[in-house]
PDB file of N, CA and C in Angstrom:
ATOM      1  N   MET A   1       0.730  -1.459   0.289  1.00  0.00           N
ATOM      2  CA  MET A   1       0.029  -0.246   0.349  1.00  0.00           C
ATOM      3  C   MET A   1       0.530   1.284   0.068  1.00  0.00           C
ATOM      4  N   ALA A   2       0.454   2.002  -0.924  1.00  0.00           N
ATOM      5  CA  ALA A   2       1.304   3.320  -0.729  1.00  0.00           C
ATOM      6  C   ALA A   2       0.914   5.005  -0.346  1.00  0.00           C
ATOM      7  N   PHE A   3       1.785   5.423   0.434  1.00  0.00           N
ATOM      8  CA  PHE A   3       1.382   6.336   1.210  1.00  0.00           C
ATOM      9  C   PHE A   3       1.904   7.698   0.930  1.00  0.00           C
ATOM     10  N   SER A   4       1.052   8.490   0.919  1.00  0.00           N
ATOM     11  CA  SER A   4       1.331   9.690   0.199  1.00  0.00           C
ATOM     12  C   SER A   4       1.279  10.859   0.696  1.00  0.00           C
ATOM     13  N   CYS A   5       1.851  11.664   1.059  1.00  0.00           N
ATOM     14  CA  CYS A   5       1.632  12.237   2.353  1.00  0.00           C
ATOM     15  C   CYS A   5       1.935  14.184   1.458  1.00  0.00           C
ATOM     16  N   HIS A   6       1.189  14.977   1.795  1.00  0.00           N
ATOM     17  CA  HIS A   6       1.305  16.157   1.208  1.00  0.00           C
ATOM     18  C   HIS A   6       0.710  17.602   1.908  1.00  0.00           C
ATOM     19  N   PHE A   7       1.799  18.057   2.519  1.00  0.00           N
ATOM     20  CA  PHE A   7       1.466  18.720   3.403  1.00  0.00           C
ATOM     21  C   PHE A   7       1.466  20.295   2.788  1.00  0.00           C
ATOM     22  N   LYS A   8       1.301  21.747   3.310  1.00  0.00           N
ATOM     23  CA  LYS A   8       0.639  22.679   2.587  1.00  0.00           C
ATOM     24  C   LYS A   8       1.044  24.129   4.336  1.00  0.00           C
ATOM     25  N   VAL A   9       2.540  23.246   4.582  1.00  0.00           N
ATOM     26  CA  VAL A   9       3.442  24.495   5.335  1.00  0.00           C
ATOM     27  C   VAL A   9       4.008  25.745   4.422  1.00  0.00           C
ATOM     28  N   LYS A  10       4.049  26.717   5.067  1.00  0.00           N
ATOM     29  CA  LYS A  10       4.247  28.161   5.590  1.00  0.00           C
ATOM     30  C   LYS A  10       4.534  28.740   6.282  1.00  0.00           C
ATOM     31  N   PHE A  11       6.210  29.067   5.683  1.00  0.00           N
ATOM     32  CA  PHE A  11       7.224  29.766   6.427  1.00  0.00           C
ATOM     33  C   PHE A  11       6.633  31.077   6.402  1.00  0.00           C
ATOM     34  N   LEU A  12       6.153  31.712   7.506  1.00  0.00           N
ATOM     35  CA  LEU A  12       6.018  33.461   7.732  1.00  0.00           C
ATOM     36  C   LEU A  12       6.794  33.757   8.700  1.00  0.00           C
ATOM     37  N   LEU A  13       7.086  35.265   7.954  1.00  0.00           N
ATOM     38  CA  LEU A  13       8.471  35.447   8.613  1.00  0.00           C
ATOM     39  C   LEU A  13       8.067  37.502   8.860  1.00  0.00           C
ATOM     40  N   TYR A  14       8.266  36.808  10.420  1.00  0.00           N
ATOM     41  CA  TYR A  14       8.549  38.413  11.311  1.00  0.00           C
ATOM     42  C   TYR A  14       9.721  39.184  11.715  1.00  0.00           C
ATOM     43  N   THR A  15       9.657  40.295  11.076  1.00  0.00           N
ATOM     44  CA  THR A  15      10.933  41.165  11.665  1.00  0.00           C
ATOM     45  C   THR A  15      10.398  42.284  12.335  1.00  0.00           C
ATOM     46  N   ARG A  16      11.500  42.978  12.995  1.00  0.00           N
ATOM     47  CA  ARG A  16      11.223  44.621  13.736  1.00  0.00           C
ATOM     48  C   ARG A  16      10.641  45.481  12.310  1.00  0.00           C
ATOM     49  N   ALA A  17      11.230  45.509  11.370  1.00  0.00           N
ATOM     50  CA  ALA A  17      10.247  45.590  10.287  1.00  0.00           C
ATOM     51  C   ALA A  17       9.175  45.372   9.625  1.00  0.00           C
ATOM     52  N   ASN A  18       8.622  44.271   9.669  1.00  0.00           N
ATOM     53  CA  ASN A  18       7.423  44.246  10.070  1.00  0.00           C
ATOM     54  C   ASN A  18       6.504  43.023  10.904  1.00  0.00           C
ATOM     55  N   SER A  19       6.725  43.553  12.015  1.00  0.00           N
ATOM     56  CA  SER A  19       6.308  43.019  13.562  1.00  0.00           C
ATOM     57  C   SER A  19       4.845  42.886  13.321  1.00  0.00           C
ATOM     58  N   LEU A  20       3.607  43.041  12.363  1.00  0.00           N
ATOM     59  CA  LEU A  20       2.570  42.679  12.634  1.00  0.00           C
ATOM     60  C   LEU A  20       1.557  42.225  11.395  1.00  0.00           C
ATOM     61  N   SER A  21       2.549  42.133  10.073  1.00  0.00           N
ATOM     62  CA  SER A  21       2.552  41.547   8.945  1.00  0.00           C
ATOM     63  C   SER A  21       3.162  40.477   8.886  1.00  0.00           C
ATOM     64  N   PRO A  22       3.188  39.454   9.075  1.00  0.00           N
ATOM     65  CA  PRO A  22       4.302  37.988   9.072  1.00  0.00           C
ATOM     66  C   PRO A  22       4.428  38.476   6.816  1.00  0.00           C
ATOM     67  N   GLU A  23       5.542  38.196   6.031  1.00  0.00           N
ATOM     68  CA  GLU A  23       5.635  37.826   5.031  1.00  0.00           C
ATOM     69  C   GLU A  23       5.779  36.331   4.373  1.00  0.00           C
ATOM     70  N   ILE A  24       5.373  35.876   3.893  1.00  0.00           N
ATOM     71  CA  ILE A  24       5.349  34.277   4.150  1.00  0.00           C
ATOM     72  C   ILE A  24       6.508  33.825   2.649  1.00  0.00           C
ATOM     73  N   VAL A  25       7.838  33.579   3.407  1.00  0.00           N
ATOM     74  CA  VAL A  25       8.921  32.961   2.365  1.00  0.00           C
ATOM     75  C   VAL A  25       8.706  31.390   2.277  1.00  0.00           C
ATOM     76  N   THR A  26       9.044  30.916   0.790  1.00  0.00           N
ATOM     77  CA  THR A  26       9.140  29.993   0.288  1.00  0.00           C
ATOM     78  C   THR A  26      10.508  29.411   0.152  1.00  0.00           C
ATOM     79  N   ASN A  27      11.053  28.246  -0.030  1.00  0.00           N
ATOM     80  CA  ASN A  27      12.429  27.861  -0.230  1.00  0.00           C
ATOM     81  C   ASN A  27      12.937  28.262  -1.433  1.00  0.00           C
ATOM     82  N   LYS A  28      12.572  29.267  -2.168  1.00  0.00           N
ATOM     83  CA  LYS A  28      13.290  30.065  -3.313  1.00  0.00           C
ATOM     84  C   LYS A  28      14.245  31.016  -2.779  1.00  0.00           C
ATOM     85  N   ASN A  29      15.563  30.681  -3.107  1.00  0.00           N
ATOM     86  CA  ASN A  29      15.993  31.578  -3.060  1.00  0.00           C
ATOM     87  C   ASN A  29      15.652  33.662  -3.337  1.00  0.00           C
ATOM     88  N   LEU A  30      14.976  33.692  -4.190  1.00  0.00           N
ATOM     89  CA  LEU A  30      14.040  35.086  -4.876  1.00  0.00           C
ATOM     90  C   LEU A  30      13.605  35.228  -4.184  1.00  0.00           C
ATOM     91  N   SER A  31      12.603  34.302  -2.942  1.00  0.00           N
ATOM     92  CA  SER A  31      11.567  34.749  -2.190  1.00  0.00           C
ATOM     93  C   SER A  31      12.523  35.205  -0.676  1.00  0.00           C
ATOM     94  N   ILE A  32      13.810  34.125   0.122  1.00  0.00           N
ATOM     95  CA  ILE A  32      14.544  34.884   0.732  1.00  0.00           C
ATOM     96  C   ILE A  32      15.144  35.895   0.204  1.00  0.00           C
ATOM     97  N   GLN A  33      15.847  36.402  -0.494  1.00  0.00           N
ATOM     98  CA  GLN A  33      16.179  37.345  -0.319  1.00  0.00           C
ATOM     99  C   GLN A  33      15.281  38.847  -1.438  1.00  0.00           C
ATOM    100  N   ALA A  34      14.366  38.502  -1.247  1.00  0.00           N
ATOM    101  CA  ALA A  34      13.065  39.675  -1.365  1.00  0.00           C
ATOM    102  C   ALA A  34      12.863  40.464  -0.106  1.00  0.00           C
ATOM    103  N   SER A  35      12.759  39.203   1.025  1.00  0.00           N
ATOM    104  CA  SER A  35      12.526  39.023   2.587  1.00  0.00           C
ATOM    105  C   SER A  35      12.860  40.133   2.829  1.00  0.00           C
ATOM    106  N   ASN A  36      12.636  40.770   4.682  1.00  0.00           N
ATOM    107  CA  ASN A  36      13.244  41.469   5.190  1.00  0.00           C
ATOM    108  C   ASN A  36      14.211  39.984   6.187  1.00  0.00           C
ATOM    109  N   PHE A  37      14.631  39.323   5.826  1.00  0.00           N
ATOM    110  CA  PHE A  37      15.123  38.081   6.504  1.00  0.00           C
ATOM    111  C   PHE A  37      16.579  38.481   6.463  1.00  0.00           C
ATOM    112  N   SER A  38      17.333  38.415   7.335  1.00  0.00           N
ATOM    113  CA  SER A  38      18.782  38.863   7.420  1.00  0.00           C
ATOM    114  C   SER A  38      19.316  37.218   8.176  1.00  0.00           C
ATOM    115  N   SER A  39      20.545  36.990   7.411  1.00  0.00           N
ATOM    116  CA  SER A  39      21.384  35.895   7.784  1.00  0.00           C
ATOM    117  C   SER A  39      22.545  36.046   9.392  1.00  0.00           C
ATOM    118  N   THR A  40      22.172  37.676   9.550  1.00  0.00           N
ATOM    119  CA  THR A  40      23.515  38.173  10.564  1.00  0.00           C
ATOM    120  C   THR A  40      22.444  38.244  11.456  1.00  0.00           C
ATOM    121  N   ARG A  41      21.538  38.324  11.603  1.00  0.00           N
ATOM    122  CA  ARG A  41      20.391  38.677  12.848  1.00  0.00           C
ATOM    123  C   ARG A  41      20.514  37.367  13.564  1.00  0.00           C
ATOM    124  N   LYS A  42      19.830  36.985  14.545  1.00  0.00           N
ATOM    125  CA  LYS A  42      19.613  35.613  15.209  1.00  0.00           C
ATOM    126  C   LYS A  42      17.818  35.685  15.082  1.00  0.00           C
ATOM    127  N   THR A  43      17.500  34.332  14.304  1.00  0.00           N
ATOM    128  CA  THR A  43      16.507  33.903  13.798  1.00  0.00           C
ATOM    129  C   THR A  43      16.006  32.703  14.631  1.00  0.00           C
ATOM    130  N   LYS A  44      14.451  32.900  15.060  1.00  0.00           N
ATOM    131  CA  LYS A  44      13.933  32.253  15.920  1.00  0.00           C
ATOM    132  C   LYS A  44      12.904  31.221  14.932  1.00  0.00           C
ATOM    133  N   PHE A  45      12.131  29.946  15.512  1.00  0.00           N
ATOM    134  CA  PHE A  45      10.777  29.924  15.257  1.00  0.00           C
ATOM    135  C   PHE A  45      10.079  29.429  16.210  1.00  0.00           C
ATOM    136  N   ILE A  46       9.124  29.613  15.645  1.00  0.00           N
ATOM    137  CA  ILE A  46       8.173  29.228  16.356  1.00  0.00           C
ATOM    138  C   ILE A  46       7.178  28.169  16.085  1.00  0.00           C
ATOM    139  N   ILE A  47       6.835  26.898  16.450  1.00  0.00           N
ATOM    140  CA  ILE A  47       6.427  25.745  16.218  1.00  0.00           C
ATOM    141  C   ILE A  47       5.105  25.447  17.022  1.00  0.00           C
ATOM    142  N   HIS A  48       4.077  25.018  15.845  1.00  0.00           N
ATOM    143  CA  HIS A  48       2.909  24.941  16.579  1.00  0.00           C
ATOM    144  C   HIS A  48       2.253  23.925  15.922  1.00  0.00           C
ATOM    145  N   GLY A  49       0.680  23.624  16.504  1.00  0.00           N
ATOM    146  CA  GLY A  49       0.248  22.407  16.100  1.00  0.00           C
ATOM    147  C   GLY A  49       0.361  21.935  15.055  1.00  0.00           C
ATOM    148  N   TYR A  50       0.090  20.899  14.793  1.00  0.00           N
ATOM    149  CA  TYR A  50       0.013  20.505  12.887  1.00  0.00           C
ATOM    150  C   TYR A  50      -1.549  20.827  12.547  1.00  0.00           C
ATOM    151  N   THR A  51      -2.666  20.892  13.001  1.00  0.00           N
ATOM    152  CA  THR A  51      -3.303  21.856  12.909  1.00  0.00           C
ATOM    153  C   THR A  51      -4.176  22.834  13.061  1.00  0.00           C
ATOM    154  N   ASP A  52      -3.182  23.207  13.489  1.00  0.00           N
ATOM    155  CA  ASP A  52      -3.619  24.895  13.976  1.00  0.00           C
ATOM    156  C   ASP A  52      -2.856  26.096  13.089  1.00  0.00           C
ATOM    157  N   LYS A  53      -4.221  27.116  12.787  1.00  0.00           N
ATOM    158  CA  LYS A  53      -3.721  27.887  12.454  1.00  0.00           C
ATOM    159  C   LYS A  53      -3.288  29.361  12.670  1.00  0.00           C
ATOM    160  N   HIS A  54      -2.674  29.909  11.928  1.00  0.00           N
ATOM    161  CA  HIS A  54      -2.356  31.069  12.243  1.00  0.00           C
ATOM    162  C   HIS A  54      -3.173  32.219  12.861  1.00  0.00           C
ATOM    163  N   GLY A  55      -3.219  32.630  14.532  1.00  0.00           N
ATOM    164  CA  GLY A  55      -3.704  33.644  14.707  1.00  0.00           C
ATOM    165  C   GLY A  55      -3.618  34.917  15.407  1.00  0.00           C
ATOM    166  N   PRO A  56      -4.162  35.271  16.024  1.00  0.00           N
ATOM    167  CA  PRO A  56      -4.007  36.173  17.210  1.00  0.00           C
ATOM    168  C   PRO A  56      -2.512  36.080  18.428  1.00  0.00           C
ATOM    169  N   TRP A  57      -2.470  34.892  18.467  1.00  0.00           N
ATOM    170  CA  TRP A  57      -1.706  34.308  19.668  1.00  0.00           C
ATOM    171  C   TRP A  57      -0.347  34.387  18.798  1.00  0.00           C
ATOM    172  N   MET A  58      -0.200  34.275  17.533  1.00  0.00           N
ATOM    173  CA  MET A  58       1.233  33.624  17.124  1.00  0.00           C
ATOM    174  C   MET A  58       2.268  35.881  16.621  1.00  0.00           C
ATOM    175  N   ILE A  59       1.219  36.332  16.385  1.00  0.00           N
ATOM    176  CA  ILE A  59       1.948  37.824  16.208  1.00  0.00           C
ATOM    177  C   ILE A  59       1.708  38.907  17.404  1.00  0.00           C
ATOM    178  N   LYS A  60       1.047  37.739  18.511  1.00  0.00           N
ATOM    179  CA  LYS A  60       1.493  38.060  19.898  1.00  0.00           C
ATOM    180  C   LYS A  60       3.057  37.714  20.364  1.00  0.00           C
ATOM    181  N   MET A  61       3.673  36.503  20.313  1.00  0.00           N
ATOM    182  CA  MET A  61       4.028  35.817  20.185  1.00  0.00           C
ATOM    183  C   MET A  61       5.677  36.407  19.468  1.00  0.00           C
ATOM    184  N   ALA A  62       5.233  36.371  18.410  1.00  0.00           N
ATOM    185  CA  ALA A  62       6.284  37.300  17.574  1.00  0.00           C
ATOM    186  C   ALA A  62       6.717  38.507  17.896  1.00  0.00           C
ATOM    187  N   GLN A  63       5.888  39.275  18.026  1.00  0.00           N
ATOM    188  CA  GLN A  63       6.520  40.666  18.772  1.00  0.00           C
ATOM    189  C   GLN A  63       7.030  40.375  20.482  1.00  0.00           C
ATOM    190  N   ALA A  64       7.080  39.772  21.266  1.00  0.00           N
ATOM    191  CA  ALA A  64       7.400  39.387  22.502  1.00  0.00           C
ATOM    192  C   ALA A  64       8.623  38.958  21.713  1.00  0.00           C
ATOM    193  N   ILE A  65       8.940  38.098  21.183  1.00  0.00           N
ATOM    194  CA  ILE A  65      10.509  37.577  20.621  1.00  0.00           C
ATOM    195  C   ILE A  65      10.773  38.622  20.429  1.00  0.00           C
ATOM    196  N   ILE A  66      10.745  39.176  19.518  1.00  0.00           N
ATOM    197  CA  ILE A  66      11.615  40.691  19.061  1.00  0.00           C
ATOM    198  C   ILE A  66      12.091  41.288  19.876  1.00  0.00           C
ATOM    199  N   GLU A  67      10.805  41.801  20.707  1.00  0.00           N
ATOM    200  CA  GLU A  67      10.886  42.690  21.808  1.00  0.00           C
ATOM    201  C   GLU A  67      12.566  42.732  22.617  1.00  0.00           C
ATOM    202  N   ARG A  68      12.116  40.880  23.155  1.00  0.00           N
ATOM    203  CA  ARG A  68      13.430  40.393  23.941  1.00  0.00           C
ATOM    204  C   ARG A  68      14.642  40.619  23.361  1.00  0.00           C
ATOM    205  N   VAL A  69      14.818  40.305  22.571  1.00  0.00           N
ATOM    206  CA  VAL A  69      16.210  40.164  21.427  1.00  0.00           C
ATOM    207  C   VAL A  69      16.595  41.374  21.156  1.00  0.00           C
ATOM    208  N   LYS A  70      15.315  42.559  21.089  1.00  0.00           N
ATOM    209  CA  LYS A  70      16.151  43.651  20.553  1.00  0.00           C
ATOM    210  C   LYS A  70      16.459  44.348  22.032  1.00  0.00           C
ATOM    211  N   SER A  71      15.954  43.693  23.107  1.00  0.00           N
ATOM    212  CA  SER A  71      16.411  44.272  24.481  1.00  0.00           C
ATOM    213  C   SER A  71      17.496  44.254  24.797  1.00  0.00           C
ATOM    214  N   GLN A  72      18.062  42.659  24.618  1.00  0.00           N
ATOM    215  CA  GLN A  72      19.564  42.131  25.374  1.00  0.00           C
ATOM    216  C   GLN A  72      20.753  42.792  24.592  1.00  0.00           C
TER     217      GLN A  72
END
């Protein structure tokens, strides 16, 4: 029996420049280069539930992480 699984994973990028509205980044180089991502800055990942949707809690968490890192 063959098993096929297709996930629709989205990478939402929050930065100081866009802390309220995330950019959607793909695995394509042009997508990353056109975004606010900087490899010289600290990068944190928020990994949430399998069926969980992007909601207000994620924006609050991203903003809290950005503020925390900014004050260090």
